Protein backbone atom coordinates (compact mmCIF):
# COMPACT_ATOMS: atom_id res chain seq x y z
CA MET A 1 -80.71 23.46 116.27
CA LYS A 2 -78.52 24.45 119.36
CA PRO A 3 -77.99 21.79 122.03
CA SER A 4 -80.12 22.25 125.05
CA SER A 5 -79.21 21.74 128.77
CA GLN A 6 -82.33 19.88 129.10
CA THR A 7 -83.62 16.39 127.70
CA ALA A 8 -86.25 16.38 125.16
CA VAL A 9 -88.81 13.78 125.53
CA PRO A 10 -91.20 13.34 122.37
CA CYS A 11 -94.86 13.60 123.33
CA MET A 12 -98.35 14.48 122.27
CA LEU A 13 -100.71 16.37 124.21
CA MET A 14 -104.04 14.49 124.00
CA ARG A 15 -107.51 15.27 125.21
CA GLY A 16 -109.25 11.94 125.99
CA GLY A 17 -112.85 12.11 126.90
CA THR A 18 -113.14 14.94 129.81
CA SER A 19 -109.45 14.51 130.70
CA LYS A 20 -106.17 15.40 129.10
CA GLY A 21 -102.30 14.86 129.34
CA PRO A 22 -99.14 14.15 127.50
CA PHE A 23 -98.95 10.79 125.66
CA TYR A 24 -95.50 8.97 125.25
CA LYS A 25 -94.28 5.95 123.55
CA ALA A 26 -92.94 3.64 126.20
CA ASP A 27 -89.54 3.44 124.32
CA ASP A 28 -89.05 7.16 124.63
CA LEU A 29 -89.22 7.06 128.39
CA PRO A 30 -86.68 5.40 130.83
CA SER A 31 -87.19 1.75 131.46
CA ASP A 32 -86.44 2.05 135.33
CA THR A 33 -89.78 2.65 136.80
CA ALA A 34 -88.58 5.15 139.64
CA LEU A 35 -86.50 7.18 137.18
CA ARG A 36 -89.42 7.10 134.73
CA ASP A 37 -91.86 8.49 137.51
CA LYS A 38 -89.37 11.41 138.14
CA VAL A 39 -89.26 12.43 134.42
CA LEU A 40 -93.02 12.29 134.51
CA LEU A 41 -93.10 14.54 137.42
CA ALA A 42 -90.73 16.88 136.16
CA ALA A 43 -92.44 17.11 132.78
CA MET A 44 -95.83 17.88 134.41
CA GLY A 45 -94.61 20.47 137.09
CA SER A 46 -95.40 18.37 140.28
CA PRO A 47 -95.58 18.76 143.05
CA ASP A 48 -96.86 22.31 142.70
CA LYS A 49 -100.59 23.16 143.11
CA ARG A 50 -100.35 25.36 139.98
CA GLN A 51 -97.92 22.94 138.11
CA ILE A 52 -96.51 26.36 136.65
CA ASP A 53 -93.26 24.60 135.82
CA GLY A 54 -94.71 21.81 133.70
CA LEU A 55 -97.50 20.73 131.39
CA GLY A 56 -99.98 19.87 134.05
CA GLY A 57 -103.25 21.81 134.23
CA ALA A 58 -103.42 22.39 138.13
CA HIS A 59 -106.27 19.74 138.49
CA PRO A 60 -106.47 15.97 138.76
CA LEU A 61 -108.30 15.74 135.55
CA THR A 62 -105.42 17.42 133.64
CA SER A 63 -102.48 15.81 135.49
CA LYS A 64 -102.76 12.41 133.69
CA VAL A 65 -100.25 10.62 131.49
CA GLY A 66 -100.74 7.89 128.84
CA ILE A 67 -97.78 5.51 128.08
CA VAL A 68 -98.36 3.41 124.91
CA SER A 69 -96.52 0.36 123.33
CA GLN A 70 -97.16 -2.28 120.89
CA SER A 71 -98.24 -5.35 122.61
CA SER A 72 -96.75 -8.65 122.65
CA VAL A 73 -100.05 -10.53 123.85
CA PRO A 74 -101.80 -12.50 121.06
CA GLY A 75 -104.72 -10.63 119.62
CA VAL A 76 -104.00 -7.34 121.29
CA ALA A 77 -102.58 -4.62 119.10
CA LEU A 78 -101.48 -1.93 121.96
CA ASP A 79 -100.48 -1.80 125.49
CA PHE A 80 -101.73 1.17 127.43
CA LEU A 81 -100.33 2.19 131.17
CA PHE A 82 -102.26 5.03 132.62
CA ALA A 83 -100.50 7.36 135.30
CA GLN A 84 -102.40 9.68 137.53
CA LEU A 85 -100.39 12.42 138.92
CA GLN A 86 -101.62 14.94 141.50
CA PRO A 87 -100.73 18.72 141.28
CA ASP A 88 -99.25 19.12 144.52
CA LYS A 89 -97.96 15.72 145.20
CA ASP A 90 -94.76 13.70 144.12
CA THR A 91 -96.89 10.68 143.46
CA VAL A 92 -97.13 8.64 140.25
CA ASP A 93 -100.00 6.08 140.71
CA THR A 94 -100.28 3.34 137.82
CA THR A 95 -102.84 1.23 139.84
CA PRO A 96 -106.04 2.47 138.79
CA ASN A 97 -107.62 2.75 135.06
CA CYS A 98 -108.72 5.94 133.47
CA GLY A 99 -111.25 5.38 130.58
CA ASN A 100 -111.13 8.89 129.40
CA MET A 101 -107.43 8.71 128.68
CA LEU A 102 -108.03 5.38 127.23
CA ALA A 103 -110.09 6.99 124.38
CA ALA A 104 -107.01 8.75 123.00
CA VAL A 105 -104.85 5.70 122.88
CA VAL A 106 -105.65 4.54 119.39
CA PRO A 107 -105.63 8.11 117.88
CA PHE A 108 -102.09 8.52 119.44
CA ALA A 109 -100.99 5.06 118.02
CA LEU A 110 -102.27 6.07 114.67
CA GLU A 111 -100.62 9.61 114.69
CA THR A 112 -97.21 8.18 115.69
CA GLY A 113 -97.55 5.15 113.17
CA MET A 114 -97.57 2.48 115.78
CA VAL A 115 -100.79 1.09 113.86
CA LYS A 116 -102.24 2.03 110.56
CA ALA A 117 -105.69 2.92 109.53
CA GLN A 118 -107.96 0.10 108.45
CA GLY A 119 -110.34 1.92 106.28
CA ASP A 120 -113.29 4.30 107.14
CA GLN A 121 -113.10 2.97 110.74
CA SER A 122 -110.23 1.42 112.50
CA THR A 123 -110.90 -0.95 115.34
CA TYR A 124 -107.75 -2.18 117.72
CA ARG A 125 -107.62 -4.25 120.82
CA VAL A 126 -105.79 -2.39 123.79
CA LEU A 127 -104.65 -3.78 126.82
CA THR A 128 -104.61 -1.56 129.98
CA LEU A 129 -101.72 -2.72 131.92
CA ASN A 130 -102.77 -1.22 135.15
CA THR A 131 -105.41 -3.83 135.60
CA ASN A 132 -104.94 -6.14 132.78
CA MET A 133 -108.05 -5.09 131.23
CA GLN A 134 -108.87 -5.40 127.45
CA CYS A 135 -111.08 -3.33 125.31
CA ASP A 136 -111.89 -2.81 121.48
CA ILE A 137 -111.70 0.86 120.38
CA THR A 138 -112.84 2.07 117.16
CA VAL A 139 -112.12 5.41 115.67
CA ASP A 140 -112.89 7.28 112.57
CA THR A 141 -110.17 7.18 110.11
CA ARG A 142 -111.67 8.21 106.74
CA GLY A 143 -109.24 9.32 104.17
CA GLY A 144 -106.45 7.13 105.91
CA LEU A 145 -106.09 9.73 108.96
CA VAL A 146 -107.54 10.14 112.29
CA GLN A 147 -110.71 12.33 112.16
CA TYR A 148 -111.30 14.49 114.96
CA GLU A 149 -114.22 16.62 113.77
CA GLY A 150 -117.61 15.16 113.97
CA ASN A 151 -121.11 15.18 115.54
CA ALA A 152 -120.54 13.18 118.62
CA ARG A 153 -120.94 15.08 122.04
CA ILE A 154 -120.06 14.27 125.49
CA ASP A 155 -120.96 16.31 128.51
CA GLY A 156 -117.75 17.87 130.06
CA ALA A 157 -116.04 18.49 126.64
CA PRO A 158 -117.17 21.48 124.72
CA GLY A 159 -118.47 21.27 121.02
CA THR A 160 -118.86 18.17 118.90
CA SER A 161 -116.12 15.59 117.82
CA ALA A 162 -115.76 12.43 115.97
CA PRO A 163 -116.99 9.46 118.04
CA VAL A 164 -114.58 7.09 119.79
CA VAL A 165 -116.35 3.88 120.62
CA ILE A 166 -115.12 1.70 123.45
CA ASN A 167 -116.11 -1.80 123.99
CA PHE A 168 -115.09 -3.25 127.25
CA LEU A 169 -114.42 -6.96 127.20
CA ASP A 170 -114.15 -7.85 130.79
CA THR A 171 -113.97 -5.32 133.53
CA ALA A 172 -115.36 -7.07 136.63
CA GLY A 173 -112.62 -7.01 139.46
CA SER A 174 -110.22 -4.52 137.83
CA VAL A 175 -108.39 -3.58 140.99
CA CYS A 176 -110.35 -5.60 143.47
CA SER A 177 -110.67 -9.48 143.67
CA GLY A 178 -114.05 -9.43 141.96
CA LEU A 179 -117.13 -7.49 141.02
CA LEU A 180 -118.45 -7.33 144.64
CA PRO A 181 -115.19 -7.59 146.68
CA THR A 182 -117.24 -7.83 150.06
CA GLY A 183 -119.10 -10.58 148.66
CA LYS A 184 -122.50 -8.74 149.05
CA VAL A 185 -124.24 -6.47 147.04
CA LYS A 186 -124.84 -4.32 150.00
CA ASP A 187 -123.02 -3.74 153.16
CA THR A 188 -124.16 -1.88 156.17
CA LEU A 189 -121.54 0.08 158.01
CA THR A 190 -121.11 2.17 161.11
CA VAL A 191 -118.48 5.04 160.41
CA THR A 192 -116.33 6.23 163.24
CA GLY A 193 -113.63 8.99 163.30
CA GLN A 194 -112.59 12.28 164.65
CA GLY A 195 -114.66 15.45 164.25
CA PHE A 196 -118.06 13.86 163.79
CA THR A 197 -120.55 11.75 165.52
CA PRO A 198 -120.67 7.97 164.22
CA PHE A 199 -123.25 7.42 161.88
CA THR A 200 -124.38 4.24 159.83
CA LEU A 201 -125.21 3.71 156.33
CA ASP A 202 -125.60 1.21 153.50
CA VAL A 203 -122.84 1.04 150.87
CA THR A 204 -122.39 -1.05 147.62
CA CYS A 205 -118.65 -1.75 147.10
CA ILE A 206 -118.14 -2.64 143.62
CA ASP A 207 -115.74 -2.89 140.81
CA ASN A 208 -116.66 -3.11 137.23
CA GLY A 209 -113.60 -1.22 135.83
CA MET A 210 -113.13 1.05 138.72
CA PRO A 211 -113.42 0.34 142.37
CA LEU A 212 -116.33 2.35 143.70
CA VAL A 213 -118.13 2.95 147.16
CA ILE A 214 -121.65 3.89 146.17
CA PHE A 215 -123.91 5.16 148.98
CA LYS A 216 -126.98 7.38 149.33
CA ALA A 217 -126.47 11.27 149.53
CA SER A 218 -129.31 11.39 151.84
CA ASP A 219 -127.47 8.93 154.33
CA VAL A 220 -124.73 11.54 154.97
CA GLY A 221 -127.07 14.48 155.08
CA ARG A 222 -126.97 15.86 151.57
CA THR A 223 -129.27 16.16 148.64
CA GLY A 224 -126.92 14.85 146.12
CA TYR A 225 -127.78 17.84 143.88
CA GLU A 226 -125.03 20.16 145.53
CA SER A 227 -122.69 21.92 143.02
CA VAL A 228 -118.97 20.82 142.72
CA ALA A 229 -118.12 24.02 144.44
CA GLU A 230 -120.56 23.26 147.45
CA MET A 231 -119.07 19.80 147.63
CA ASN A 232 -115.57 20.92 147.65
CA ALA A 233 -115.91 23.56 150.19
CA ASP A 234 -117.99 20.91 152.56
CA THR A 235 -115.13 20.02 154.92
CA ASP A 236 -117.58 18.01 157.39
CA LEU A 237 -118.80 15.93 154.41
CA LYS A 238 -115.31 15.23 153.10
CA THR A 239 -114.03 14.28 156.35
CA LYS A 240 -116.85 11.67 156.77
CA ILE A 241 -116.23 10.41 153.23
CA GLU A 242 -112.59 10.03 153.74
CA ALA A 243 -113.13 8.26 157.12
CA LEU A 244 -115.62 5.96 155.24
CA ARG A 245 -113.06 5.32 152.40
CA ILE A 246 -110.44 4.27 154.73
CA GLN A 247 -112.55 1.84 156.82
CA VAL A 248 -114.40 0.26 153.87
CA SER A 249 -111.38 -0.30 151.74
CA LEU A 250 -110.08 -2.97 154.42
CA LEU A 251 -113.46 -4.82 153.75
CA MET A 252 -112.65 -4.60 150.07
CA GLY A 253 -109.40 -6.20 150.31
CA LEU A 254 -107.44 -3.11 149.35
CA GLY A 255 -105.43 -2.43 152.49
CA ASP A 256 -104.33 0.90 153.40
CA VAL A 257 -105.61 3.25 150.71
CA SER A 258 -104.61 6.79 152.43
CA GLN A 259 -102.07 7.53 149.65
CA LYS A 260 -104.21 5.83 146.80
CA ASN A 261 -106.46 7.34 144.49
CA TYR A 262 -108.93 4.55 144.83
CA PRO A 263 -111.67 3.61 145.78
CA LYS A 264 -113.76 6.58 144.27
CA MET A 265 -116.66 7.54 146.51
CA THR A 266 -120.00 8.12 144.65
CA LEU A 267 -122.95 9.74 146.29
CA ILE A 268 -126.18 9.02 144.47
CA ALA A 269 -129.78 10.45 144.63
CA PRO A 270 -132.96 10.06 142.54
CA PRO A 271 -132.57 11.52 138.73
CA GLN A 272 -133.44 15.13 138.08
CA ASN A 273 -133.10 15.30 134.25
CA GLY A 274 -134.51 11.97 133.05
CA GLY A 275 -131.65 9.87 133.55
CA ALA A 276 -131.23 6.60 135.77
CA LEU A 277 -129.79 8.38 138.81
CA SER A 278 -127.91 11.71 139.83
CA THR A 279 -124.24 11.23 141.08
CA ARG A 280 -121.44 13.24 142.75
CA SER A 281 -118.09 11.58 142.70
CA PHE A 282 -115.01 12.23 144.64
CA ILE A 283 -111.59 11.11 143.22
CA PRO A 284 -111.10 10.56 145.97
CA HIS A 285 -110.76 13.89 147.72
CA VAL A 286 -111.99 16.30 144.98
CA CYS A 287 -115.47 16.41 143.68
CA HIS A 288 -115.24 15.53 139.99
CA ASP A 289 -116.93 17.97 137.57
CA ALA A 290 -118.28 15.00 135.71
CA ILE A 291 -117.85 11.33 136.34
CA GLY A 292 -114.97 9.03 134.98
CA VAL A 293 -115.80 6.48 132.33
CA LEU A 294 -115.26 3.31 133.99
CA ALA A 295 -116.88 4.71 137.09
CA ALA A 296 -119.92 5.38 135.00
CA VAL A 297 -119.69 1.86 133.86
CA THR A 298 -119.45 0.57 137.46
CA VAL A 299 -122.40 2.82 138.61
CA GLY A 300 -124.40 1.59 135.79
CA THR A 301 -123.58 -2.11 136.77
CA ALA A 302 -124.57 -1.27 140.28
CA CYS A 303 -127.97 -0.11 139.04
CA VAL A 304 -128.91 -3.36 137.47
CA LEU A 305 -128.04 -5.45 140.62
CA GLU A 306 -130.96 -6.39 142.81
CA GLY A 307 -130.67 -5.29 146.32
CA SER A 308 -127.78 -2.67 145.76
CA VAL A 309 -127.95 0.92 147.23
CA CYS A 310 -129.26 1.96 143.66
CA ASP A 311 -132.23 -0.30 143.84
CA GLY A 312 -135.33 1.81 144.49
CA ILE A 313 -133.55 5.06 143.29
CA ALA A 314 -132.40 4.42 139.82
CA VAL A 315 -135.02 4.48 137.07
CA MET A 316 -133.92 1.79 134.66
CA PRO A 317 -135.25 0.62 131.28
CA GLU A 318 -136.50 -2.85 130.54
CA GLY A 319 -134.78 -5.48 128.61
CA ALA A 320 -131.41 -7.22 128.50
CA THR A 321 -129.74 -4.33 126.74
CA LYS A 322 -129.98 -1.23 129.10
CA ASN A 323 -128.88 2.28 128.20
CA VAL A 324 -128.05 3.74 131.51
CA SER A 325 -127.88 7.50 131.66
CA VAL A 326 -125.63 8.49 134.58
CA GLU A 327 -126.36 11.90 135.40
CA HIS A 328 -123.43 14.21 137.01
CA PRO A 329 -122.81 17.89 137.73
CA THR A 330 -122.16 18.83 134.09
CA GLY A 331 -124.52 16.49 132.19
CA GLU A 332 -124.88 12.94 131.73
CA PHE A 333 -123.01 9.70 130.81
CA SER A 334 -124.61 6.87 128.88
CA VAL A 335 -123.40 3.39 129.26
CA ALA A 336 -124.90 0.54 127.18
CA LEU A 337 -124.87 -2.71 129.28
CA GLN A 338 -125.88 -6.14 128.18
CA THR A 339 -127.07 -8.32 130.94
CA GLU A 340 -128.18 -11.88 131.57
CA PRO A 341 -130.06 -13.35 134.50
CA ALA A 342 -127.50 -15.11 136.94
CA PRO A 343 -129.46 -16.25 140.12
CA HIS A 344 -126.36 -17.77 141.60
CA LEU A 345 -124.70 -14.32 141.78
CA PRO A 346 -125.27 -11.67 144.31
CA GLY A 347 -127.47 -9.31 142.57
CA GLY A 348 -128.97 -11.84 140.29
CA GLN A 349 -127.31 -10.29 137.05
CA HIS A 350 -124.32 -10.84 134.94
CA VAL A 351 -123.05 -7.93 132.89
CA LYS A 352 -121.92 -9.45 129.56
CA GLN A 353 -120.66 -6.39 127.92
CA ALA A 354 -120.26 -2.53 128.56
CA ALA A 355 -119.81 -0.19 125.62
CA LEU A 356 -119.76 3.51 125.84
CA LEU A 357 -118.91 6.61 123.56
CA ARG A 358 -116.08 9.19 124.04
CA THR A 359 -114.15 11.56 121.89
CA ALA A 360 -110.66 12.62 121.72
CA ARG A 361 -108.36 15.23 120.09
CA LEU A 362 -104.64 15.75 119.46
CA LEU A 363 -104.08 19.10 120.86
CA MET A 364 -100.05 19.43 120.34
CA ARG A 365 -97.09 17.48 119.15
CA GLY A 366 -93.57 18.15 120.21
CA GLU A 367 -91.10 17.36 123.21
CA ALA A 368 -91.60 17.80 126.83
CA MET A 369 -88.36 19.04 128.52
CA VAL A 370 -86.93 17.76 131.67
CA PRO A 371 -83.60 18.66 133.32
CA ALA A 372 -80.63 16.94 131.79
CA SER A 373 -79.28 16.47 135.31
CA LEU A 374 -82.37 14.21 135.79
CA TRP A 375 -81.98 11.99 132.91
CA THR A 376 -79.84 11.96 129.92
CA PRO A 377 -80.57 9.01 127.83
CA ALA A 378 -77.69 6.87 126.56
CA VAL A 379 -76.91 7.52 122.78
CA ALA A 380 -76.81 4.23 120.87
């Protein structure tokens, strides 16, 4: 093969849940963070709203990157660093989690030989470096290979696939100081800003894997059943939501989030299709076609807390183990929550465990090409 004026970086394009993006071994990227981010931006084609000169898919859900390494933490097999890029920005945000991309970590590690199949099923513990969150991920490895075909179906991804089961071990306070960063299960705020009349509403600020601000759609004059296109075209609503996001983030201890991808903003309404409740989520300025994995876990957690904004709206099953079906624009997302009474805590419940089902698929293996003038690795 003839030499190239570009640097080739080994990677695999993976779908994880309802997201996709290139996955890299950490050793194949620059160790310097600033240079690494420049390489990722060049590989994805950002900033450019079409990402025409890179691998990105011109949408936040397809402008994501996974970086995987073998872990040095006792009991943990793999470290995962998630990076959120934006099509039209030059930012690489490694502060939030992504439960969808998380579903592709173990398949990627098996495909690259970082770990070995354990039998018909393989379970490995993964540490998400973004927030120091651990989970156990189980994939189908019949015949010693990652199996992608199966009967599991998730809304937001076409067809069926082999299941990927993610069991989160401790997700409370992933970015914030705790599950309820304001210390309350519900806060009443008056939102002010340019271009709209001040308004008052109740919110639940919560972080059980993803920092969320949850509020009733009716409190901002919407039904909560609007389409994604209607939500994204609603400039008045988006202006109000962003003003709320900036204001409430200070109460959550997150500081200035004007350039951050969190907290996510979630509008709720009574369920329409037999689920627990209906949602519309902004991530944070674009309405999500579905709902993120950890956002669904966090919404489900809010549903089991007495006195939250979900109380009285969510239709919940009985029992200590609750299968919470979170409706979203393209279907539903089910989260299995194990709870126990905790009268000393706001909301009166402690979530012991959150488990969910995702799917993943290897889409392409090869090399991402970036300009050699940007980075040329030293040859050992």
